[in-house]
PDB file of all heavy atoms in Angstrom:
ATOM      1  N   PRO A   1      58.834 150.463  36.337  1.00  0.00           N
ATOM      2  CA  PRO A   1      60.126 150.717  36.966  1.00  0.00           C
ATOM      3  C   PRO A   1      61.131 151.154  35.914  1.00  0.00           C
ATOM      4  O   PRO A   1      60.982 150.855  34.729  1.00  0.00           O
ATOM      5  CB  PRO A   1      60.515 149.374  37.579  1.00  0.00           C
ATOM      6  CG  PRO A   1      59.492 148.397  37.183  1.00  0.00           C
ATOM      7  CD  PRO A   1      58.391 149.096  36.471  1.00  0.00           C
ATOM      8  N   THR A   2      62.167 151.846  36.342  1.00  0.00           N
ATOM      9  CA  THR A   2      63.168 152.332  35.402  1.00  0.00           C
ATOM     10  C   THR A   2      64.088 151.231  34.918  1.00  0.00           C
ATOM     11  O   THR A   2      64.825 151.412  33.976  1.00  0.00           O
ATOM     12  CB  THR A   2      64.004 153.459  36.031  1.00  0.00           C
ATOM     13  OG1 THR A   2      64.599 152.957  37.229  1.00  0.00           O
ATOM     14  CG2 THR A   2      63.138 154.661  36.334  1.00  0.00           C
ATOM     15  N   SER A   3      64.066 150.082  35.581  1.00  0.00           N
ATOM     16  CA  SER A   3      64.839 148.930  35.121  1.00  0.00           C
ATOM     17  C   SER A   3      64.204 147.669  35.680  1.00  0.00           C
ATOM     18  O   SER A   3      63.317 147.734  36.527  1.00  0.00           O
ATOM     19  CB  SER A   3      66.296 149.031  35.583  1.00  0.00           C
ATOM     20  OG  SER A   3      66.392 148.711  36.950  1.00  0.00           O
ATOM     21  N   ALA A   4      64.691 146.532  35.229  1.00  0.00           N
ATOM     22  CA  ALA A   4      64.191 145.265  35.756  1.00  0.00           C
ATOM     23  C   ALA A   4      64.536 145.124  37.230  1.00  0.00           C
ATOM     24  O   ALA A   4      63.965 144.320  37.938  1.00  0.00           O
ATOM     25  CB  ALA A   4      64.786 144.105  34.966  1.00  0.00           C
ATOM     26  N   TYR A   5      65.472 145.905  37.663  1.00  0.00           N
ATOM     27  CA  TYR A   5      65.920 145.829  39.046  1.00  0.00           C
ATOM     28  C   TYR A   5      65.413 147.016  39.853  1.00  0.00           C
ATOM     29  O   TYR A   5      65.922 147.313  40.913  1.00  0.00           O
ATOM     30  CB  TYR A   5      67.446 145.758  39.090  1.00  0.00           C
ATOM     31  CG  TYR A   5      67.946 144.588  38.294  1.00  0.00           C
ATOM     32  CD1 TYR A   5      68.412 144.761  36.993  1.00  0.00           C
ATOM     33  CD2 TYR A   5      67.883 143.302  38.803  1.00  0.00           C
ATOM     34  CE1 TYR A   5      68.838 143.673  36.255  1.00  0.00           C
ATOM     35  CE2 TYR A   5      68.293 142.218  38.060  1.00  0.00           C
ATOM     36  CZ  TYR A   5      68.777 142.406  36.795  1.00  0.00           C
ATOM     37  OH  TYR A   5      69.179 141.336  36.059  1.00  0.00           O
ATOM     38  N   GLY A   6      64.394 147.716  39.363  1.00  0.00           N
ATOM     39  CA  GLY A   6      63.867 148.890  40.033  1.00  0.00           C
ATOM     40  C   GLY A   6      63.306 148.608  41.414  1.00  0.00           C
ATOM     41  O   GLY A   6      63.188 149.504  42.235  1.00  0.00           O
ATOM     42  N   ALA A   7      62.982 147.372  41.704  1.00  0.00           N
ATOM     43  CA  ALA A   7      62.397 147.033  42.999  1.00  0.00           C
ATOM     44  C   ALA A   7      63.441 146.583  44.012  1.00  0.00           C
ATOM     45  O   ALA A   7      63.101 146.127  45.082  1.00  0.00           O
ATOM     46  CB  ALA A   7      61.357 145.935  42.818  1.00  0.00           C
ATOM     47  N   ARG A   8      64.721 146.697  43.685  1.00  0.00           N
ATOM     48  CA  ARG A   8      65.771 146.296  44.626  1.00  0.00           C
ATOM     49  C   ARG A   8      65.712 147.134  45.888  1.00  0.00           C
ATOM     50  O   ARG A   8      65.445 148.334  45.827  1.00  0.00           O
ATOM     51  CB  ARG A   8      67.150 146.499  44.004  1.00  0.00           C
ATOM     52  CG  ARG A   8      67.606 145.364  43.168  1.00  0.00           C
ATOM     53  CD  ARG A   8      69.060 145.530  42.850  1.00  0.00           C
ATOM     54  NE  ARG A   8      69.499 144.416  42.055  1.00  0.00           N
ATOM     55  CZ  ARG A   8      70.667 144.353  41.475  1.00  0.00           C
ATOM     56  NH1 ARG A   8      71.518 145.330  41.607  1.00  0.00           N
ATOM     57  NH2 ARG A   8      70.997 143.312  40.777  1.00  0.00           N
ATOM     58  N   PRO A   9      66.007 146.523  47.037  1.00  0.00           N
ATOM     59  CA  PRO A   9      66.047 147.311  48.268  1.00  0.00           C
ATOM     60  C   PRO A   9      67.228 148.270  48.240  1.00  0.00           C
ATOM     61  O   PRO A   9      68.214 148.026  47.562  1.00  0.00           O
ATOM     62  CB  PRO A   9      66.219 146.260  49.359  1.00  0.00           C
ATOM     63  CG  PRO A   9      66.758 145.050  48.680  1.00  0.00           C
ATOM     64  CD  PRO A   9      66.285 145.120  47.249  1.00  0.00           C
ATOM     65  N   THR A  10      67.110 149.349  48.964  1.00  0.00           N
ATOM     66  CA  THR A  10      68.223 150.296  49.051  1.00  0.00           C
ATOM     67  C   THR A  10      69.342 149.658  49.856  1.00  0.00           C
ATOM     68  O   THR A  10      69.111 148.735  50.639  1.00  0.00           O
ATOM     69  CB  THR A  10      67.761 151.598  49.739  1.00  0.00           C
ATOM     70  OG1 THR A  10      67.302 151.254  51.039  1.00  0.00           O
ATOM     71  CG2 THR A  10      66.674 152.282  48.954  1.00  0.00           C
ATOM     72  N   PRO A  11      70.584 150.133  49.694  1.00  0.00           N
ATOM     73  CA  PRO A  11      71.700 149.521  50.413  1.00  0.00           C
ATOM     74  C   PRO A  11      71.510 149.509  51.928  1.00  0.00           C
ATOM     75  O   PRO A  11      72.051 148.656  52.610  1.00  0.00           O
ATOM     76  CB  PRO A  11      72.893 150.391  50.026  1.00  0.00           C
ATOM     77  CG  PRO A  11      72.510 151.002  48.724  1.00  0.00           C
ATOM     78  CD  PRO A  11      71.018 151.159  48.777  1.00  0.00           C
ATOM     79  N   SER A  12      70.735 150.446  52.480  1.00  0.00           N
ATOM     80  CA  SER A  12      70.546 150.477  53.927  1.00  0.00           C
ATOM     81  C   SER A  12      69.527 149.437  54.404  1.00  0.00           C
ATOM     82  O   SER A  12      69.411 149.186  55.588  1.00  0.00           O
ATOM     83  CB  SER A  12      70.105 151.872  54.369  1.00  0.00           C
ATOM     84  OG  SER A  12      68.874 152.186  53.750  1.00  0.00           O
ATOM     85  N   ALA A  13      68.810 148.834  53.479  1.00  0.00           N
ATOM     86  CA  ALA A  13      67.804 147.831  53.851  1.00  0.00           C
ATOM     87  C   ALA A  13      68.483 146.524  54.237  1.00  0.00           C
ATOM     88  O   ALA A  13      69.634 146.271  53.903  1.00  0.00           O
ATOM     89  CB  ALA A  13      66.840 147.603  52.683  1.00  0.00           C
ATOM     90  N   ALA A  14      67.737 145.680  54.909  1.00  0.00           N
ATOM     91  CA  ALA A  14      68.283 144.385  55.317  1.00  0.00           C
ATOM     92  C   ALA A  14      68.629 143.562  54.085  1.00  0.00           C
ATOM     93  O   ALA A  14      67.931 143.628  53.074  1.00  0.00           O
ATOM     94  CB  ALA A  14      67.249 143.655  56.171  1.00  0.00           C
ATOM     95  N   PRO A  15      69.708 142.777  54.160  1.00  0.00           N
ATOM     96  CA  PRO A  15      70.083 141.962  52.997  1.00  0.00           C
ATOM     97  C   PRO A  15      69.001 140.936  52.678  1.00  0.00           C
ATOM     98  O   PRO A  15      68.332 140.439  53.563  1.00  0.00           O
ATOM     99  CB  PRO A  15      71.382 141.275  53.420  1.00  0.00           C
ATOM    100  CG  PRO A  15      71.581 141.570  54.853  1.00  0.00           C
ATOM    101  CD  PRO A  15      70.597 142.613  55.277  1.00  0.00           C
ATOM    102  N   ARG A  16      68.858 140.670  51.399  1.00  0.00           N
ATOM    103  CA  ARG A  16      67.874 139.710  50.918  1.00  0.00           C
ATOM    104  C   ARG A  16      68.376 138.290  51.165  1.00  0.00           C
ATOM    105  O   ARG A  16      69.560 138.018  51.106  1.00  0.00           O
ATOM    106  CB  ARG A  16      67.661 139.936  49.420  1.00  0.00           C
ATOM    107  CG  ARG A  16      66.672 138.988  48.787  1.00  0.00           C
ATOM    108  CD  ARG A  16      66.463 139.309  47.327  1.00  0.00           C
ATOM    109  NE  ARG A  16      67.590 139.001  46.483  1.00  0.00           N
ATOM    110  CZ  ARG A  16      67.904 137.786  46.049  1.00  0.00           C
ATOM    111  NH1 ARG A  16      67.184 136.757  46.401  1.00  0.00           N
ATOM    112  NH2 ARG A  16      68.930 137.599  45.259  1.00  0.00           N
ATOM    113  N   ASP A  17      67.458 137.392  51.443  1.00  0.00           N
ATOM    114  CA  ASP A  17      67.794 135.978  51.605  1.00  0.00           C
ATOM    115  C   ASP A  17      68.135 135.427  50.228  1.00  0.00           C
ATOM    116  O   ASP A  17      67.260 135.234  49.391  1.00  0.00           O
ATOM    117  CB  ASP A  17      66.604 135.232  52.211  1.00  0.00           C
ATOM    118  CG  ASP A  17      66.857 133.735  52.361  1.00  0.00           C
ATOM    119  OD1 ASP A  17      67.984 133.282  52.067  1.00  0.00           O
ATOM    120  OD2 ASP A  17      65.926 133.040  52.768  1.00  0.00           O
ATOM    121  N   ARG A  18      69.402 135.201  49.958  1.00  0.00           N
ATOM    122  CA  ARG A  18      69.853 134.780  48.633  1.00  0.00           C
ATOM    123  C   ARG A  18      69.555 133.318  48.335  1.00  0.00           C
ATOM    124  O   ARG A  18      69.801 132.849  47.244  1.00  0.00           O
ATOM    125  CB  ARG A  18      71.329 135.080  48.455  1.00  0.00           C
ATOM    126  CG  ARG A  18      71.596 136.568  48.574  1.00  0.00           C
ATOM    127  CD  ARG A  18      72.674 136.995  47.636  1.00  0.00           C
ATOM    128  NE  ARG A  18      72.880 138.427  47.730  1.00  0.00           N
ATOM    129  CZ  ARG A  18      72.385 139.301  46.884  1.00  0.00           C
ATOM    130  NH1 ARG A  18      71.647 138.905  45.889  1.00  0.00           N
ATOM    131  NH2 ARG A  18      72.621 140.587  47.018  1.00  0.00           N
ATOM    132  N   SER A  19      69.020 132.585  49.299  1.00  0.00           N
ATOM    133  CA  SER A  19      68.634 131.202  49.019  1.00  0.00           C
ATOM    134  C   SER A  19      67.314 131.149  48.262  1.00  0.00           C
ATOM    135  O   SER A  19      66.944 130.129  47.709  1.00  0.00           O
ATOM    136  CB  SER A  19      68.525 130.398  50.321  1.00  0.00           C
ATOM    137  OG  SER A  19      67.434 130.882  51.094  1.00  0.00           O
ATOM    138  N   GLN A  20      66.587 132.281  48.239  1.00  0.00           N
ATOM    139  CA  GLN A  20      65.312 132.363  47.525  1.00  0.00           C
ATOM    140  C   GLN A  20      65.527 133.082  46.188  1.00  0.00           C
ATOM    141  O   GLN A  20      66.296 134.029  46.122  1.00  0.00           O
ATOM    142  CB  GLN A  20      64.280 133.141  48.350  1.00  0.00           C
ATOM    143  CG  GLN A  20      63.985 132.499  49.690  1.00  0.00           C
ATOM    144  CD  GLN A  20      63.420 131.100  49.531  1.00  0.00           C
ATOM    145  OE1 GLN A  20      62.525 130.881  48.736  1.00  0.00           O
ATOM    146  NE2 GLN A  20      63.962 130.158  50.276  1.00  0.00           N
ATOM    147  N   PRO A  21      64.859 132.640  45.120  1.00  0.00           N
ATOM    148  CA  PRO A  21      65.024 133.315  43.828  1.00  0.00           C
ATOM    149  C   PRO A  21      64.461 134.728  43.880  1.00  0.00           C
ATOM    150  O   PRO A  21      63.566 135.030  44.660  1.00  0.00           O
ATOM    151  CB  PRO A  21      64.223 132.442  42.854  1.00  0.00           C
ATOM    152  CG  PRO A  21      63.274 131.681  43.713  1.00  0.00           C
ATOM    153  CD  PRO A  21      63.906 131.549  45.073  1.00  0.00           C
ATOM    154  N   THR A  22      65.024 135.588  43.044  1.00  0.00           N
ATOM    155  CA  THR A  22      64.504 136.944  42.955  1.00  0.00           C
ATOM    156  C   THR A  22      63.152 136.891  42.268  1.00  0.00           C
ATOM    157  O   THR A  22      62.887 135.998  41.465  1.00  0.00           O
ATOM    158  CB  THR A  22      65.454 137.857  42.157  1.00  0.00           C
ATOM    159  OG1 THR A  22      65.682 137.265  40.890  1.00  0.00           O
ATOM    160  CG2 THR A  22      66.758 138.066  42.883  1.00  0.00           C
ATOM    161  N   PRO A  23      62.240 137.843  42.558  1.00  0.00           N
ATOM    162  CA  PRO A  23      60.891 137.794  41.992  1.00  0.00           C
ATOM    163  C   PRO A  23      60.860 137.808  40.470  1.00  0.00           C
ATOM    164  O   PRO A  23      59.970 137.267  39.863  1.00  0.00           O
ATOM    165  CB  PRO A  23      60.216 139.044  42.556  1.00  0.00           C
ATOM    166  CG  PRO A  23      61.060 139.491  43.679  1.00  0.00           C
ATOM    167  CD  PRO A  23      62.433 138.952  43.451  1.00  0.00           C
ATOM    168  N   HIS A  24      61.845 138.438  39.822  1.00  0.00           N
ATOM    169  CA  HIS A  24      61.825 138.545  38.371  1.00  0.00           C
ATOM    170  C   HIS A  24      62.605 137.423  37.689  1.00  0.00           C
ATOM    171  O   HIS A  24      62.693 137.391  36.482  1.00  0.00           O
ATOM    172  CB  HIS A  24      62.392 139.896  37.926  1.00  0.00           C
ATOM    173  CG  HIS A  24      63.802 140.101  38.372  1.00  0.00           C
ATOM    174  ND1 HIS A  24      64.091 140.614  39.615  1.00  0.00           N
ATOM    175  CD2 HIS A  24      64.977 139.841  37.781  1.00  0.00           C
ATOM    176  CE1 HIS A  24      65.398 140.670  39.759  1.00  0.00           C
ATOM    177  NE2 HIS A  24      65.950 140.199  38.666  1.00  0.00           N
TER     178      HIS A  24
END
């Protein structure tokens, strides 16, 4: 990926459940 955050969903995607840790 081009950054550690390369796998982030696009802004049009459903919001991520912030109660769960990010994979990285």
